[in-house]
Amino acid sequence: MINLDLPQSDPFTNLKVTLLVEALTSGQIAAYVREFPDCRVQAETREAAIAQIQATFLERLKNIEAISWNVPIQTSEPSWMKFAGVFKNDADFAAIMESIRAERTSEDDSQVDPFYYL
């Protein structure tokens, strides 16, 4: 059984939408809410179209319920973690690492090609 754990819906406090206003070839003005493209009106003037789309959308909001849902995502360890510590008790690996560490801390520059560093 899935528990959605949905909180009670809150009334809209502040919903920001984008009104799109378009001049049609017929001379009329169309307006719609970008986030709700099926909420569309046509009017004779730009102002009338904006007023109508606002009224239409506010009427539609009366029937819409907003629910927040925190989606539970199962987190797993990073894929590289299954290899962590694989060489923990490996004597050969310890010797290789000690050799690399000694070369890094050595003051001997005899094997460094001076032309590499211009």
C-alpha atoms as a PDB file:
ATOM      1  CA  MET A   1       0.000   0.000   0.000  1.00  0.00           C
ATOM      2  CA  ILE A   2       1.336   3.446  -0.908  1.00  0.00           C
ATOM      3  CA  ASN A   3       1.010   6.246   1.593  1.00  0.00           C
ATOM      4  CA  LEU A   4       1.078   9.518  -0.324  1.00  0.00           C
ATOM      5  CA  ASP A   5       1.196  11.570   2.874  1.00  0.00           C
ATOM      6  CA  LEU A   6      -0.527  14.527   1.232  1.00  0.00           C
ATOM      7  CA  PRO A   7      -1.051  17.609   3.398  1.00  0.00           C
ATOM      8  CA  GLN A   8      -4.375  19.363   3.433  1.00  0.00           C
ATOM      9  CA  SER A   9      -4.717  21.640   0.456  1.00  0.00           C
ATOM     10  CA  ASP A  10      -4.192  25.308   1.090  1.00  0.00           C
ATOM     11  CA  PRO A  11      -6.142  28.005  -0.648  1.00  0.00           C
ATOM     12  CA  PHE A  12      -4.113  29.863  -3.233  1.00  0.00           C
ATOM     13  CA  THR A  13      -2.155  32.620  -1.568  1.00  0.00           C
ATOM     14  CA  ASN A  14      -0.125  33.807  -4.519  1.00  0.00           C
ATOM     15  CA  LEU A  15      -0.161  32.116  -7.894  1.00  0.00           C
ATOM     16  CA  LYS A  16       1.935  33.628 -10.641  1.00  0.00           C
ATOM     17  CA  VAL A  17       0.875  32.851 -14.207  1.00  0.00           C
ATOM     18  CA  THR A  18       1.734  34.346 -17.576  1.00  0.00           C
ATOM     19  CA  LEU A  19      -0.960  35.888 -19.737  1.00  0.00           C
ATOM     20  CA  LEU A  20      -0.251  35.667 -23.448  1.00  0.00           C
ATOM     21  CA  VAL A  21      -1.965  38.260 -25.641  1.00  0.00           C
ATOM     22  CA  GLU A  22      -2.054  37.742 -29.404  1.00  0.00           C
ATOM     23  CA  ALA A  23      -3.371  39.925 -32.224  1.00  0.00           C
ATOM     24  CA  LEU A  24      -5.320  37.711 -34.646  1.00  0.00           C
ATOM     25  CA  THR A  25      -5.574  38.252 -38.395  1.00  0.00           C
ATOM     26  CA  SER A  26      -9.312  38.777 -37.935  1.00  0.00           C
ATOM     27  CA  GLY A  27      -8.537  41.931 -35.953  1.00  0.00           C
ATOM     28  CA  GLN A  28      -9.572  40.405 -32.654  1.00  0.00           C
ATOM     29  CA  ILE A  29      -7.305  39.880 -29.691  1.00  0.00           C
ATOM     30  CA  ALA A  30      -6.804  36.438 -28.143  1.00  0.00           C
ATOM     31  CA  ALA A  31      -5.578  35.985 -24.594  1.00  0.00           C
ATOM     32  CA  TYR A  32      -4.746  32.848 -22.690  1.00  0.00           C
ATOM     33  CA  VAL A  33      -2.873  31.641 -19.643  1.00  0.00           C
ATOM     34  CA  ARG A  34       0.397  30.028 -20.712  1.00  0.00           C
ATOM     35  CA  GLU A  35       0.263  27.470 -17.915  1.00  0.00           C
ATOM     36  CA  PHE A  36      -3.359  26.583 -18.854  1.00  0.00           C
ATOM     37  CA  PRO A  37      -3.454  26.816 -22.671  1.00  0.00           C
ATOM     38  CA  ASP A  38      -7.045  25.602 -22.836  1.00  0.00           C
ATOM     39  CA  CYS A  39      -8.102  28.666 -20.837  1.00  0.00           C
ATOM     40  CA  ARG A  40      -8.476  31.062 -23.790  1.00  0.00           C
ATOM     41  CA  VAL A  41     -10.679  34.037 -24.760  1.00  0.00           C
ATOM     42  CA  GLN A  42     -11.119  36.387 -27.723  1.00  0.00           C
ATOM     43  CA  ALA A  43     -12.203  39.998 -27.568  1.00  0.00           C
ATOM     44  CA  GLU A  44     -12.337  43.161 -29.673  1.00  0.00           C
ATOM     45  CA  THR A  45      -9.622  45.026 -27.724  1.00  0.00           C
ATOM     46  CA  ARG A  46      -6.481  44.148 -25.782  1.00  0.00           C
ATOM     47  CA  GLU A  47      -7.909  45.501 -22.523  1.00  0.00           C
ATOM     48  CA  ALA A  48     -11.143  43.549 -22.952  1.00  0.00           C
ATOM     49  CA  ALA A  49      -9.227  40.342 -23.703  1.00  0.00           C
ATOM     50  CA  ILE A  50      -7.051  40.749 -20.605  1.00  0.00           C
ATOM     51  CA  ALA A  51     -10.074  41.474 -18.404  1.00  0.00           C
ATOM     52  CA  GLN A  52     -11.948  38.472 -19.800  1.00  0.00           C
ATOM     53  CA  ILE A  53      -9.054  36.048 -19.413  1.00  0.00           C
ATOM     54  CA  GLN A  54      -8.507  37.206 -15.833  1.00  0.00           C
ATOM     55  CA  ALA A  55     -12.185  36.721 -14.993  1.00  0.00           C
ATOM     56  CA  THR A  56     -12.304  33.349 -16.767  1.00  0.00           C
ATOM     57  CA  PHE A  57      -9.193  32.110 -15.010  1.00  0.00           C
ATOM     58  CA  LEU A  58     -10.359  33.281 -11.582  1.00  0.00           C
ATOM     59  CA  GLU A  59     -13.630  31.432 -12.154  1.00  0.00           C
ATOM     60  CA  ARG A  60     -11.729  28.320 -13.131  1.00  0.00           C
ATOM     61  CA  LEU A  61      -9.554  28.521 -10.008  1.00  0.00           C
ATOM     62  CA  LYS A  62     -12.662  28.046  -7.882  1.00  0.00           C
ATOM     63  CA  ASN A  63     -12.698  24.413  -9.028  1.00  0.00           C
ATOM     64  CA  ILE A  64      -8.957  23.756  -8.771  1.00  0.00           C
ATOM     65  CA  GLU A  65      -7.261  22.382  -5.690  1.00  0.00           C
ATOM     66  CA  ALA A  66      -3.514  22.802  -5.190  1.00  0.00           C
ATOM     67  CA  ILE A  67      -1.783  19.945  -3.410  1.00  0.00           C
ATOM     68  CA  SER A  68       1.907  19.863  -2.548  1.00  0.00           C
ATOM     69  CA  TRP A  69       3.492  16.456  -2.682  1.00  0.00           C
ATOM     70  CA  ASN A  70       6.957  15.660  -1.412  1.00  0.00           C
ATOM     71  CA  VAL A  71       7.992  12.722  -3.565  1.00  0.00           C
ATOM     72  CA  PRO A  72       9.892  10.148  -1.518  1.00  0.00           C
ATOM     73  CA  ILE A  73      13.069   9.264  -3.377  1.00  0.00           C
ATOM     74  CA  GLN A  74      15.028   6.309  -2.153  1.00  0.00           C
ATOM     75  CA  THR A  75      18.639   7.345  -1.938  1.00  0.00           C
ATOM     76  CA  SER A  76      21.387   4.816  -2.342  1.00  0.00           C
ATOM     77  CA  GLU A  77      25.080   5.023  -1.816  1.00  0.00           C
ATOM     78  CA  PRO A  78      27.219   6.278  -4.700  1.00  0.00           C
ATOM     79  CA  SER A  79      28.182   3.549  -7.168  1.00  0.00           C
ATOM     80  CA  TRP A  80      31.877   3.891  -6.365  1.00  0.00           C
ATOM     81  CA  MET A  81      31.276   3.042  -2.687  1.00  0.00           C
ATOM     82  CA  LYS A  82      31.117  -0.702  -3.422  1.00  0.00           C
ATOM     83  CA  PHE A  83      34.825  -0.479  -4.297  1.00  0.00           C
ATOM     84  CA  ALA A  84      35.850   1.571  -1.258  1.00  0.00           C
ATOM     85  CA  GLY A  85      38.381  -0.334   0.840  1.00  0.00           C
ATOM     86  CA  VAL A  86      38.863  -3.137  -1.685  1.00  0.00           C
ATOM     87  CA  PHE A  87      42.679  -2.817  -1.313  1.00  0.00           C
ATOM     88  CA  LYS A  88      42.565  -2.283   2.439  1.00  0.00           C
ATOM     89  CA  ASN A  89      44.525  -5.432   3.383  1.00  0.00           C
ATOM     90  CA  ASP A  90      46.462  -5.859   0.112  1.00  0.00           C
ATOM     91  CA  ALA A  91      50.219  -5.819   0.840  1.00  0.00           C
ATOM     92  CA  ASP A  92      51.124  -5.296  -2.826  1.00  0.00           C
ATOM     93  CA  PHE A  93      48.883  -2.265  -3.092  1.00  0.00           C
ATOM     94  CA  ALA A  94      50.341  -0.819   0.110  1.00  0.00           C
ATOM     95  CA  ALA A  95      53.864  -1.212  -1.356  1.00  0.00           C
ATOM     96  CA  ILE A  96      52.816   0.497  -4.604  1.00  0.00           C
ATOM     97  CA  MET A  97      51.263   3.396  -2.690  1.00  0.00           C
ATOM     98  CA  GLU A  98      54.383   3.760  -0.542  1.00  0.00           C
ATOM     99  CA  SER A  99      56.521   3.896  -3.691  1.00  0.00           C
ATOM    100  CA  ILE A 100      54.295   6.589  -5.226  1.00  0.00           C
ATOM    101  CA  ARG A 101      54.336   8.565  -1.960  1.00  0.00           C
ATOM    102  CA  ALA A 102      58.152   8.382  -1.813  1.00  0.00           C
ATOM    103  CA  GLU A 103      58.482   9.658  -5.391  1.00  0.00           C
ATOM    104  CA  ARG A 104      56.130  12.575  -4.676  1.00  0.00           C
ATOM    105  CA  THR A 105      58.055  13.685  -1.610  1.00  0.00           C
ATOM    106  CA  SER A 106      61.526  13.115  -3.058  1.00  0.00           C
ATOM    107  CA  GLU A 107      63.849  16.075  -3.516  1.00  0.00           C
ATOM    108  CA  ASP A 108      65.664  14.259  -6.352  1.00  0.00           C
ATOM    109  CA  ASP A 109      65.006  16.032  -9.684  1.00  0.00           C
ATOM    110  CA  SER A 110      67.415  13.893 -11.706  1.00  0.00           C
ATOM    111  CA  GLN A 111      64.653  12.179 -13.687  1.00  0.00           C
ATOM    112  CA  VAL A 112      62.705  15.332 -14.433  1.00  0.00           C
ATOM    113  CA  ASP A 113      63.032  16.566 -18.003  1.00  0.00           C
ATOM    114  CA  PRO A 114      63.835  20.328 -17.741  1.00  0.00           C
ATOM    115  CA  PHE A 115      62.331  20.939 -21.202  1.00  0.00           C
ATOM    116  CA  TYR A 116      58.942  19.757 -19.924  1.00  0.00           C
ATOM    117  CA  TYR A 117      58.715  22.879 -17.751  1.00  0.00           C
ATOM    118  CA  LEU A 118      59.345  25.865 -20.003  1.00  0.00           C
END
